[in-house]
Amino acid sequence: MKSFPRLPAKASLAALLTALTLVTPSLLAQPAQLTPVPSVDLNRYLGTWYQVALYPNRFQAQCAADTAATYTALPDNRLQVLNRCRQASGEVDQALGVARVTSPSTLKVRFAPAWLSWLPFVWGDYWVIQLADDYRYAVVSEPQREYLWVLSRSPRLAPDDEQRIRAQLVAQGFDLQRLQNHPQTQPLDP
């Protein structure tokens, strides 16, 4: 078996220092822990939100355009969540879920059948991480930053709002290269 030649001590130290200078910036560049906004007034959050941008994900792969989510209060202090989108074929796809409040600005959302609700992995984190003062837009993610949705009360964001959201996403450690705009061509019938 062939072995690597032994480096002089000075070369080994130089190699170690070089490796540290390459690794240290990436360790320092780790984003801070993601935090949600301080609180969300659920009564103001109810209603329809248009998805204007997102990190693509497997459970929305069929959605080509016109994705919207409608939140409705349920009598048991939970929320009904109706997600709808238009597929490339023109057909409308929808998913009905439920959300429970876990803090003043976070929810757990489930789209699996109710009989599976006892399983912890069927509940997904839903953190509001940005919210306009007048609730004209909201940005939603979860602690690992794997998922991201930019929501608006209208089918399009104002350019100033889009710039503000993007700047804040960068500050929050999100990769804007992954963020895709989502077309809103025509509202879906209720």
N, C-alpha and C. Protein backbone atom coordinates (compact mmCIF):
# COMPACT_ATOMS: atom_id res chain seq x y z
N MET A 1 0.84 -1.16 0.00
CA MET A 1 0.00 0.00 0.00
C MET A 1 0.89 1.23 0.00
N LYS A 2 0.53 2.18 -0.87
CA LYS A 2 1.29 3.40 -0.98
C LYS A 2 0.82 4.39 0.07
N SER A 3 1.74 5.12 0.67
CA SER A 3 1.35 6.12 1.65
C SER A 3 1.73 7.50 1.14
N PHE A 4 1.08 8.49 1.71
CA PHE A 4 1.37 9.86 1.32
C PHE A 4 2.72 10.26 1.90
N PRO A 5 3.46 11.09 1.16
CA PRO A 5 4.74 11.54 1.71
C PRO A 5 4.50 12.41 2.93
N ARG A 6 5.38 12.34 3.84
CA ARG A 6 5.28 13.12 5.07
C ARG A 6 5.70 14.55 4.79
N LEU A 7 4.85 15.51 5.21
CA LEU A 7 5.16 16.92 5.00
C LEU A 7 5.97 17.45 6.16
N PRO A 8 6.83 18.40 5.88
CA PRO A 8 7.56 19.03 6.98
C PRO A 8 6.56 19.74 7.90
N ALA A 9 6.92 19.91 9.16
CA ALA A 9 6.03 20.50 10.15
C ALA A 9 5.52 21.87 9.71
N LYS A 10 6.38 22.70 9.10
CA LYS A 10 5.96 24.02 8.64
C LYS A 10 4.88 23.90 7.57
N ALA A 11 5.02 22.94 6.66
CA ALA A 11 4.04 22.75 5.59
C ALA A 11 2.72 22.27 6.18
N SER A 12 2.79 21.38 7.19
CA SER A 12 1.57 20.89 7.82
C SER A 12 0.83 22.03 8.51
N LEU A 13 1.54 22.90 9.20
CA LEU A 13 0.94 24.02 9.87
C LEU A 13 0.33 24.98 8.85
N ALA A 14 1.03 25.21 7.75
CA ALA A 14 0.52 26.10 6.70
C ALA A 14 -0.75 25.51 6.09
N ALA A 15 -0.77 24.21 5.87
CA ALA A 15 -1.96 23.56 5.31
C ALA A 15 -3.13 23.67 6.27
N LEU A 16 -2.87 23.48 7.56
CA LEU A 16 -3.93 23.59 8.56
C LEU A 16 -4.48 25.00 8.61
N LEU A 17 -3.62 26.00 8.61
CA LEU A 17 -4.08 27.39 8.64
C LEU A 17 -4.87 27.74 7.38
N THR A 18 -4.43 27.25 6.25
CA THR A 18 -5.17 27.49 5.00
C THR A 18 -6.56 26.86 5.07
N ALA A 19 -6.63 25.63 5.56
CA ALA A 19 -7.93 24.96 5.70
C ALA A 19 -8.84 25.73 6.64
N LEU A 20 -8.29 26.22 7.74
CA LEU A 20 -9.10 26.98 8.70
C LEU A 20 -9.63 28.27 8.09
N THR A 21 -8.83 28.94 7.27
CA THR A 21 -9.30 30.19 6.66
C THR A 21 -10.39 29.91 5.63
N LEU A 22 -10.40 28.73 5.05
CA LEU A 22 -11.45 28.37 4.10
C LEU A 22 -12.73 27.95 4.81
N VAL A 23 -12.61 27.27 5.92
CA VAL A 23 -13.77 26.75 6.64
C VAL A 23 -14.40 27.80 7.55
N THR A 24 -13.61 28.62 8.21
CA THR A 24 -14.12 29.56 9.20
C THR A 24 -15.19 30.50 8.64
N PRO A 25 -15.00 31.13 7.46
CA PRO A 25 -16.06 32.02 6.97
C PRO A 25 -17.40 31.32 6.79
N SER A 26 -17.38 30.07 6.33
CA SER A 26 -18.65 29.37 6.15
C SER A 26 -19.30 29.07 7.49
N LEU A 27 -18.50 28.82 8.51
CA LEU A 27 -19.07 28.60 9.84
C LEU A 27 -19.64 29.90 10.40
N LEU A 28 -18.95 30.99 10.16
CA LEU A 28 -19.43 32.27 10.65
C LEU A 28 -20.64 32.75 9.88
N ALA A 29 -20.80 32.31 8.64
CA ALA A 29 -21.89 32.77 7.79
C ALA A 29 -23.21 32.06 8.08
N GLN A 30 -23.22 31.13 9.01
CA GLN A 30 -24.45 30.44 9.33
C GLN A 30 -25.47 31.46 9.82
N PRO A 31 -26.69 31.43 9.27
CA PRO A 31 -27.68 32.42 9.71
C PRO A 31 -28.11 32.18 11.15
N ALA A 32 -28.52 33.26 11.77
CA ALA A 32 -29.01 33.18 13.14
C ALA A 32 -30.30 32.36 13.16
N GLN A 33 -30.66 31.92 14.32
CA GLN A 33 -31.90 31.16 14.47
C GLN A 33 -33.06 32.00 13.96
N LEU A 34 -33.92 31.41 13.17
CA LEU A 34 -35.07 32.10 12.61
C LEU A 34 -36.08 32.37 13.71
N THR A 35 -36.63 33.56 13.71
CA THR A 35 -37.65 33.90 14.70
C THR A 35 -38.89 34.42 13.99
N PRO A 36 -40.05 34.07 14.49
CA PRO A 36 -41.28 34.60 13.92
C PRO A 36 -41.52 36.04 14.37
N VAL A 37 -42.48 36.71 13.74
CA VAL A 37 -42.86 38.04 14.20
C VAL A 37 -43.39 37.91 15.62
N PRO A 38 -43.44 39.01 16.38
CA PRO A 38 -43.89 38.90 17.78
C PRO A 38 -45.31 38.37 17.95
N SER A 39 -46.23 38.81 17.10
CA SER A 39 -47.60 38.30 17.22
C SER A 39 -48.38 38.55 15.94
N VAL A 40 -49.43 37.77 15.78
CA VAL A 40 -50.33 37.88 14.63
C VAL A 40 -51.75 37.94 15.17
N ASP A 41 -52.51 38.92 14.71
CA ASP A 41 -53.92 39.02 15.05
C ASP A 41 -54.66 38.07 14.11
N LEU A 42 -55.08 36.92 14.63
CA LEU A 42 -55.68 35.90 13.77
C LEU A 42 -56.94 36.40 13.08
N ASN A 43 -57.70 37.26 13.72
CA ASN A 43 -58.89 37.80 13.06
C ASN A 43 -58.52 38.60 11.81
N ARG A 44 -57.41 39.32 11.86
CA ARG A 44 -56.95 40.07 10.68
C ARG A 44 -56.30 39.16 9.66
N TYR A 45 -55.77 38.02 10.11
CA TYR A 45 -55.09 37.09 9.21
C TYR A 45 -56.09 36.24 8.41
N LEU A 46 -57.30 36.09 8.92
CA LEU A 46 -58.32 35.30 8.22
C LEU A 46 -58.59 35.87 6.84
N GLY A 47 -59.10 35.01 5.97
CA GLY A 47 -59.41 35.44 4.61
C GLY A 47 -58.47 34.81 3.61
N THR A 48 -58.43 35.39 2.43
CA THR A 48 -57.65 34.82 1.32
C THR A 48 -56.32 35.53 1.15
N TRP A 49 -55.30 34.71 0.95
CA TRP A 49 -53.95 35.17 0.66
C TRP A 49 -53.52 34.56 -0.68
N TYR A 50 -52.93 35.37 -1.55
CA TYR A 50 -52.40 34.89 -2.82
C TYR A 50 -50.93 34.57 -2.65
N GLN A 51 -50.53 33.42 -3.17
CA GLN A 51 -49.12 33.04 -3.13
C GLN A 51 -48.42 33.72 -4.31
N VAL A 52 -47.50 34.62 -4.02
CA VAL A 52 -46.82 35.34 -5.09
C VAL A 52 -45.39 34.82 -5.33
N ALA A 53 -44.84 34.12 -4.37
CA ALA A 53 -43.51 33.52 -4.52
C ALA A 53 -43.37 32.39 -3.51
N LEU A 54 -42.44 31.47 -3.78
CA LEU A 54 -42.23 30.33 -2.89
C LEU A 54 -40.91 29.65 -3.18
N TYR A 55 -40.47 28.84 -2.22
CA TYR A 55 -39.45 27.84 -2.48
C TYR A 55 -40.23 26.65 -3.05
N PRO A 56 -39.90 26.19 -4.24
CA PRO A 56 -40.63 25.03 -4.79
C PRO A 56 -40.56 23.84 -3.83
N ASN A 57 -41.66 23.08 -3.79
CA ASN A 57 -41.72 21.94 -2.88
C ASN A 57 -42.51 20.82 -3.56
N ARG A 58 -42.37 19.61 -3.06
CA ARG A 58 -42.99 18.45 -3.69
C ARG A 58 -44.51 18.45 -3.58
N PHE A 59 -45.07 18.99 -2.51
CA PHE A 59 -46.52 18.91 -2.35
C PHE A 59 -47.26 20.00 -3.11
N GLN A 60 -46.54 20.90 -3.78
CA GLN A 60 -47.18 21.88 -4.65
C GLN A 60 -46.67 21.75 -6.08
N ALA A 61 -46.04 20.64 -6.40
CA ALA A 61 -45.45 20.47 -7.73
C ALA A 61 -46.49 20.54 -8.84
N GLN A 62 -47.73 20.18 -8.55
CA GLN A 62 -48.79 20.19 -9.56
C GLN A 62 -49.33 21.59 -9.82
N CYS A 63 -48.99 22.56 -9.00
CA CYS A 63 -49.54 23.92 -9.10
C CYS A 63 -48.76 24.75 -10.11
N ALA A 64 -49.43 25.15 -11.19
CA ALA A 64 -48.79 25.95 -12.23
C ALA A 64 -49.04 27.45 -12.02
N ALA A 65 -50.18 27.80 -11.43
CA ALA A 65 -50.53 29.21 -11.26
C ALA A 65 -51.68 29.35 -10.27
N ASP A 66 -51.97 30.60 -9.92
CA ASP A 66 -53.17 30.98 -9.18
C ASP A 66 -53.34 30.28 -7.83
N THR A 67 -52.24 30.07 -7.14
CA THR A 67 -52.34 29.45 -5.82
C THR A 67 -52.80 30.48 -4.80
N ALA A 68 -53.76 30.07 -3.99
CA ALA A 68 -54.28 30.93 -2.93
C ALA A 68 -54.65 30.06 -1.74
N ALA A 69 -54.58 30.66 -0.57
CA ALA A 69 -54.95 29.98 0.67
C ALA A 69 -56.02 30.83 1.36
N THR A 70 -57.06 30.17 1.81
CA THR A 70 -58.13 30.86 2.54
C THR A 70 -58.21 30.29 3.95
N TYR A 71 -58.11 31.18 4.94
CA TYR A 71 -58.13 30.80 6.35
C TYR A 71 -59.49 31.20 6.93
N THR A 72 -60.13 30.25 7.60
CA THR A 72 -61.44 30.47 8.21
C THR A 72 -61.39 29.98 9.65
N ALA A 73 -61.97 30.77 10.57
CA ALA A 73 -62.00 30.38 11.98
C ALA A 73 -62.95 29.22 12.17
N LEU A 74 -62.54 28.26 12.99
CA LEU A 74 -63.39 27.13 13.38
C LEU A 74 -63.84 27.34 14.82
N PRO A 75 -64.95 26.73 15.23
CA PRO A 75 -65.46 26.95 16.59
C PRO A 75 -64.54 26.46 17.70
N ASP A 76 -63.59 25.58 17.40
CA ASP A 76 -62.71 25.02 18.44
C ASP A 76 -61.37 25.76 18.56
N ASN A 77 -61.35 27.03 18.16
CA ASN A 77 -60.14 27.87 18.21
C ASN A 77 -59.05 27.41 17.26
N ARG A 78 -59.41 26.65 16.28
CA ARG A 78 -58.47 26.28 15.22
C ARG A 78 -58.88 27.01 13.95
N LEU A 79 -58.10 26.82 12.91
CA LEU A 79 -58.39 27.44 11.61
C LEU A 79 -58.55 26.37 10.55
N GLN A 80 -59.50 26.59 9.66
CA GLN A 80 -59.57 25.75 8.46
C GLN A 80 -58.69 26.42 7.41
N VAL A 81 -57.91 25.61 6.68
CA VAL A 81 -57.03 26.13 5.65
C VAL A 81 -57.43 25.46 4.33
N LEU A 82 -57.84 26.27 3.37
CA LEU A 82 -58.18 25.75 2.04
C LEU A 82 -57.16 26.30 1.06
N ASN A 83 -56.31 25.40 0.54
CA ASN A 83 -55.32 25.76 -0.47
C ASN A 83 -55.85 25.34 -1.83
N ARG A 84 -55.80 26.26 -2.78
CA ARG A 84 -56.27 25.98 -4.14
C ARG A 84 -55.24 26.47 -5.14
N CYS A 85 -55.14 25.77 -6.27
CA CYS A 85 -54.24 26.21 -7.33
C CYS A 85 -54.75 25.70 -8.67
N ARG A 86 -54.22 26.30 -9.71
CA ARG A 86 -54.54 25.86 -11.07
C ARG A 86 -53.38 25.00 -11.58
N GLN A 87 -53.70 23.81 -12.05
CA GLN A 87 -52.70 22.92 -12.64
C GLN A 87 -52.44 23.34 -14.09
N ALA A 88 -51.39 22.84 -14.70
CA ALA A 88 -51.06 23.16 -16.08
C ALA A 88 -52.21 22.80 -17.03
N SER A 89 -52.98 21.79 -16.70
CA SER A 89 -54.12 21.37 -17.53
C SER A 89 -55.29 22.34 -17.43
N GLY A 90 -55.25 23.26 -16.47
CA GLY A 90 -56.36 24.16 -16.24
C GLY A 90 -57.27 23.71 -15.11
N GLU A 91 -57.15 22.44 -14.71
CA GLU A 91 -57.93 21.91 -13.60
C GLU A 91 -57.54 22.60 -12.30
N VAL A 92 -58.51 22.71 -11.41
CA VAL A 92 -58.25 23.30 -10.09
C VAL A 92 -57.99 22.17 -9.10
N ASP A 93 -56.90 22.30 -8.37
CA ASP A 93 -56.54 21.34 -7.32
C ASP A 93 -56.76 22.03 -5.98
N GLN A 94 -57.21 21.28 -5.00
CA GLN A 94 -57.37 21.88 -3.69
C GLN A 94 -57.03 20.89 -2.59
N ALA A 95 -56.63 21.45 -1.47
CA ALA A 95 -56.31 20.66 -0.28
C ALA A 95 -56.92 21.38 0.91
N LEU A 96 -57.64 20.63 1.73
CA LEU A 96 -58.29 21.19 2.91
C LEU A 96 -57.52 20.73 4.14
N GLY A 97 -57.15 21.66 4.96
CA GLY A 97 -56.39 21.34 6.17
C GLY A 97 -56.92 22.08 7.37
N VAL A 98 -56.23 21.88 8.47
CA VAL A 98 -56.59 22.53 9.73
C VAL A 98 -55.30 23.03 10.38
N ALA A 99 -55.41 24.14 11.08
CA ALA A 99 -54.26 24.70 11.78
C ALA A 99 -54.62 24.94 13.23
N ARG A 100 -53.64 24.71 14.10
CA ARG A 100 -53.82 25.02 15.52
C ARG A 100 -52.75 26.02 15.93
N VAL A 101 -53.10 26.93 16.77
CA VAL A 101 -52.19 27.97 17.22
C VAL A 101 -51.22 27.37 18.24
N THR A 102 -49.92 27.65 18.05
CA THR A 102 -48.90 27.16 18.99
C THR A 102 -48.21 28.30 19.72
N SER A 103 -48.33 29.52 19.21
CA SER A 103 -47.80 30.71 19.87
C SER A 103 -48.49 31.92 19.22
N PRO A 104 -48.20 33.12 19.68
CA PRO A 104 -48.86 34.28 19.08
C PRO A 104 -48.58 34.49 17.58
N SER A 105 -47.56 33.81 17.04
CA SER A 105 -47.26 34.00 15.61
C SER A 105 -46.90 32.71 14.88
N THR A 106 -47.17 31.56 15.52
CA THR A 106 -46.87 30.30 14.87
C THR A 106 -48.07 29.36 14.95
N LEU A 107 -48.15 28.52 13.94
CA LEU A 107 -49.21 27.52 13.85
C LEU A 107 -48.59 26.17 13.56
N LYS A 108 -49.36 25.14 13.77
CA LYS A 108 -49.07 23.80 13.25
C LYS A 108 -50.20 23.51 12.28
N VAL A 109 -49.85 23.09 11.07
CA VAL A 109 -50.84 22.86 10.02
C VAL A 109 -50.81 21.40 9.60
N ARG A 110 -52.01 20.86 9.37
CA ARG A 110 -52.13 19.45 8.95
C ARG A 110 -53.07 19.36 7.76
N PHE A 111 -52.63 18.66 6.71
CA PHE A 111 -53.47 18.37 5.57
C PHE A 111 -53.80 16.89 5.47
N ALA A 112 -53.25 16.09 6.35
CA ALA A 112 -53.55 14.65 6.40
C ALA A 112 -54.94 14.46 7.01
N PRO A 113 -55.53 13.28 6.81
CA PRO A 113 -56.86 13.02 7.40
C PRO A 113 -56.85 13.17 8.93
N ALA A 114 -57.99 13.55 9.47
CA ALA A 114 -58.12 13.80 10.91
C ALA A 114 -57.71 12.58 11.74
N TRP A 115 -57.99 11.37 11.26
CA TRP A 115 -57.68 10.18 12.05
C TRP A 115 -56.17 9.99 12.23
N LEU A 116 -55.36 10.74 11.44
CA LEU A 116 -53.90 10.67 11.60
C LEU A 116 -53.35 11.81 12.45
N SER A 117 -54.23 12.66 12.95
CA SER A 117 -53.78 13.88 13.63
C SER A 117 -52.99 13.60 14.91
N TRP A 118 -53.06 12.42 15.45
CA TRP A 118 -52.29 12.07 16.66
C TRP A 118 -50.81 11.88 16.34
N LEU A 119 -50.47 11.71 15.06
CA LEU A 119 -49.07 11.54 14.67
C LEU A 119 -48.39 12.91 14.58
N PRO A 120 -47.29 13.09 15.29
CA PRO A 120 -46.67 14.43 15.30
C PRO A 120 -46.12 14.86 13.94
N PHE A 121 -45.69 13.92 13.09
CA PHE A 121 -45.07 14.31 11.83
C PHE A 121 -46.07 14.77 10.77
N VAL A 122 -47.38 14.62 11.00
CA VAL A 122 -48.35 15.13 10.03
C VAL A 122 -48.64 16.61 10.23
N TRP A 123 -48.12 17.17 11.31
CA TRP A 123 -48.30 18.60 11.58
C TRP A 123 -47.04 19.34 11.16
N GLY A 124 -47.18 20.32 10.28
CA GLY A 124 -46.03 21.11 9.82
C GLY A 124 -45.99 22.46 10.51
N ASP A 125 -44.77 22.95 10.73
CA ASP A 125 -44.60 24.27 11.31
C ASP A 125 -44.99 25.34 10.30
N TYR A 126 -45.63 26.38 10.77
CA TYR A 126 -46.09 27.51 9.97
C TYR A 126 -45.77 28.75 10.78
N TRP A 127 -44.65 29.38 10.45
CA TRP A 127 -44.20 30.54 11.18
C TRP A 127 -44.36 31.79 10.31
N VAL A 128 -45.05 32.77 10.82
CA VAL A 128 -45.12 34.06 10.13
C VAL A 128 -43.85 34.81 10.51
N ILE A 129 -42.97 35.01 9.51
CA ILE A 129 -41.66 35.62 9.78
C ILE A 129 -41.58 37.07 9.32
N GLN A 130 -42.52 37.49 8.50
CA GLN A 130 -42.66 38.90 8.10
C GLN A 130 -44.15 39.17 7.96
N LEU A 131 -44.55 40.37 8.33
CA LEU A 131 -45.96 40.73 8.25
C LEU A 131 -46.06 42.24 8.14
N ALA A 132 -46.74 42.70 7.09
CA ALA A 132 -46.95 44.15 6.94
C ALA A 132 -47.87 44.63 8.06
N ASP A 133 -47.66 45.85 8.49
CA ASP A 133 -48.48 46.42 9.57
C ASP A 133 -49.97 46.36 9.26
N ASP A 134 -50.31 46.55 7.99
CA ASP A 134 -51.72 46.53 7.59
C ASP A 134 -52.16 45.16 7.04
N TYR A 135 -51.31 44.15 7.20
CA TYR A 135 -51.61 42.77 6.78
C TYR A 135 -51.80 42.66 5.26
N ARG A 136 -51.10 43.50 4.48
CA ARG A 136 -51.21 43.40 3.02
C ARG A 136 -50.29 42.30 2.47
N TYR A 137 -49.27 41.92 3.24
CA TYR A 137 -48.43 40.79 2.86
C TYR A 137 -47.96 40.07 4.11
N ALA A 138 -47.62 38.80 3.92
CA ALA A 138 -47.05 37.97 4.99
C ALA A 138 -46.03 37.03 4.36
N VAL A 139 -45.02 36.69 5.11
CA VAL A 139 -44.03 35.71 4.66
C VAL A 139 -44.02 34.60 5.70
N VAL A 140 -44.11 33.37 5.20
CA VAL A 140 -44.25 32.20 6.06
C VAL A 140 -43.12 31.22 5.79
N SER A 141 -42.57 30.65 6.85
CA SER A 141 -41.53 29.63 6.73
C SER A 141 -41.63 28.71 7.93
N GLU A 142 -40.50 28.08 8.27
CA GLU A 142 -40.40 27.19 9.42
C GLU A 142 -38.96 27.20 9.89
N PRO A 143 -38.66 26.66 11.07
CA PRO A 143 -37.34 26.84 11.68
C PRO A 143 -36.14 26.44 10.83
N GLN A 144 -36.27 25.45 9.96
CA GLN A 144 -35.12 24.99 9.16
C GLN A 144 -34.95 25.75 7.85
N ARG A 145 -35.88 26.64 7.52
CA ARG A 145 -35.83 27.43 6.28
C ARG A 145 -35.92 26.56 5.03
N GLU A 146 -36.51 25.38 5.13
CA GLU A 146 -36.67 24.52 3.96
C GLU A 146 -37.83 24.98 3.08
N TYR A 147 -38.84 25.55 3.70
CA TYR A 147 -40.03 26.00 3.00
C TYR A 147 -40.16 27.50 3.16
N LEU A 148 -40.72 28.14 2.13
CA LEU A 148 -40.90 29.58 2.18
C LEU A 148 -42.03 29.96 1.24
N TRP A 149 -42.93 30.80 1.75
CA TRP A 149 -44.04 31.31 0.95
C TRP A 149 -44.15 32.81 1.18
N VAL A 150 -44.30 33.55 0.09
CA VAL A 150 -44.59 34.97 0.15
C VAL A 150 -46.05 35.13 -0.25
N LEU A 151 -46.84 35.66 0.66
CA LEU A 151 -48.29 35.78 0.48
C LEU A 151 -48.69 37.25 0.43
N SER A 152 -49.73 37.52 -0.33
CA SER A 152 -50.23 38.89 -0.46
C SER A 152 -51.74 38.87 -0.49
N ARG A 153 -52.34 39.95 -0.02
CA ARG A 153 -53.80 40.07 -0.08
C ARG A 153 -54.27 40.36 -1.51
N SER A 154 -53.36 40.80 -2.36
CA SER A 154 -53.69 41.03 -3.76
C SER A 154 -52.81 40.11 -4.62
N PRO A 155 -53.20 39.87 -5.86
CA PRO A 155 -52.43 38.94 -6.70
C PRO A 155 -51.00 39.37 -7.00
N ARG A 156 -50.67 40.64 -6.77
CA ARG A 156 -49.31 41.11 -7.03
C ARG A 156 -48.85 42.00 -5.88
N LEU A 157 -47.56 41.91 -5.60
CA LEU A 157 -46.97 42.79 -4.59
C LEU A 157 -46.59 44.13 -5.21
N ALA A 158 -46.66 45.17 -4.44
CA ALA A 158 -46.12 46.46 -4.86
C ALA A 158 -44.60 46.30 -4.93
N PRO A 159 -43.94 46.96 -5.90
CA PRO A 159 -42.47 46.83 -6.01
C PRO A 159 -41.73 47.17 -4.72
N ASP A 160 -42.17 48.18 -3.98
CA ASP A 160 -41.50 48.51 -2.71
C ASP A 160 -41.63 47.38 -1.70
N ASP A 161 -42.81 46.75 -1.66
CA ASP A 161 -43.01 45.62 -0.74
C ASP A 161 -42.12 44.46 -1.13
N GLU A 162 -42.02 44.18 -2.43
CA GLU A 162 -41.17 43.07 -2.89
C GLU A 162 -39.72 43.31 -2.51
N GLN A 163 -39.24 44.53 -2.70
CA GLN A 163 -37.84 44.85 -2.32
C GLN A 163 -37.64 44.71 -0.82
N ARG A 164 -38.60 45.19 -0.03
CA ARG A 164 -38.51 45.10 1.43
C ARG A 164 -38.47 43.65 1.88
N ILE A 165 -39.35 42.83 1.30
CA ILE A 165 -39.41 41.41 1.66
C ILE A 165 -38.09 40.72 1.31
N ARG A 166 -37.60 40.95 0.10
CA ARG A 166 -36.35 40.31 -0.33
C ARG A 166 -35.17 40.71 0.56
N ALA A 167 -35.08 41.99 0.88
CA ALA A 167 -33.98 42.45 1.74
C ALA A 167 -34.07 41.79 3.12
N GLN A 168 -35.27 41.68 3.64
CA GLN A 168 -35.44 41.04 4.95
C GLN A 168 -35.14 39.54 4.87
N LEU A 169 -35.52 38.90 3.77
CA LEU A 169 -35.21 37.48 3.61
C LEU A 169 -33.71 37.23 3.62
N VAL A 170 -32.97 38.09 2.94
CA VAL A 170 -31.51 37.96 2.95
C VAL A 170 -31.00 38.11 4.38
N ALA A 171 -31.51 39.12 5.10
CA ALA A 171 -31.09 39.33 6.50
C ALA A 171 -31.47 38.15 7.38
N GLN A 172 -32.54 37.43 7.02
CA GLN A 172 -32.98 36.28 7.80
C GLN A 172 -32.29 34.98 7.37
N GLY A 173 -31.36 35.06 6.42
CA GLY A 173 -30.58 33.89 6.04
C GLY A 173 -31.18 33.02 4.96
N PHE A 174 -32.10 33.55 4.17
CA PHE A 174 -32.71 32.76 3.09
C PHE A 174 -31.92 32.92 1.80
N ASP A 175 -31.92 31.87 0.99
CA ASP A 175 -31.26 31.85 -0.31
C ASP A 175 -32.26 32.33 -1.36
N LEU A 176 -32.07 33.54 -1.87
CA LEU A 176 -33.00 34.08 -2.85
C LEU A 176 -32.91 33.38 -4.20
N GLN A 177 -31.83 32.63 -4.43
CA GLN A 177 -31.71 31.86 -5.67
C GLN A 177 -32.80 30.80 -5.77
N ARG A 178 -33.26 30.32 -4.62
CA ARG A 178 -34.31 29.29 -4.60
C ARG A 178 -35.72 29.86 -4.74
N LEU A 179 -35.87 31.15 -4.49
CA LEU A 179 -37.19 31.78 -4.48
C LEU A 179 -37.71 31.95 -5.90
N GLN A 180 -38.91 31.41 -6.15
CA GLN A 180 -39.52 31.51 -7.48
C GLN A 180 -40.82 32.30 -7.39
N ASN A 181 -41.00 33.21 -8.34
CA ASN A 181 -42.27 33.91 -8.43
C ASN A 181 -43.34 32.93 -8.87
N HIS A 182 -44.56 33.14 -8.41
CA HIS A 182 -45.67 32.26 -8.74
C HIS A 182 -46.72 33.09 -9.48
N PRO A 183 -47.07 32.71 -10.70
CA PRO A 183 -48.02 33.52 -11.47
C PRO A 183 -49.44 33.51 -10.91
N GLN A 184 -50.02 34.68 -10.95
CA GLN A 184 -51.44 34.86 -10.60
C GLN A 184 -52.10 35.39 -11.87
N THR A 185 -52.82 34.53 -12.58
CA THR A 185 -53.40 34.92 -13.86
C THR A 185 -54.87 35.27 -13.77
N GLN A 186 -55.62 34.53 -12.97
CA GLN A 186 -57.04 34.83 -12.75
C GLN A 186 -57.50 34.18 -11.47
N PRO A 187 -58.34 34.87 -10.72
CA PRO A 187 -58.81 34.30 -9.45
C PRO A 187 -59.58 33.00 -9.68
N LEU A 188 -59.45 32.08 -8.75
CA LEU A 188 -60.20 30.83 -8.82
C LEU A 188 -61.59 31.07 -8.27
N ASP A 189 -62.59 30.44 -8.88
CA ASP A 189 -63.95 30.56 -8.38
C ASP A 189 -64.03 29.90 -7.01
N PRO A 190 -64.83 30.49 -6.10
CA PRO A 190 -64.93 29.90 -4.77
C PRO A 190 -65.58 28.53 -4.77
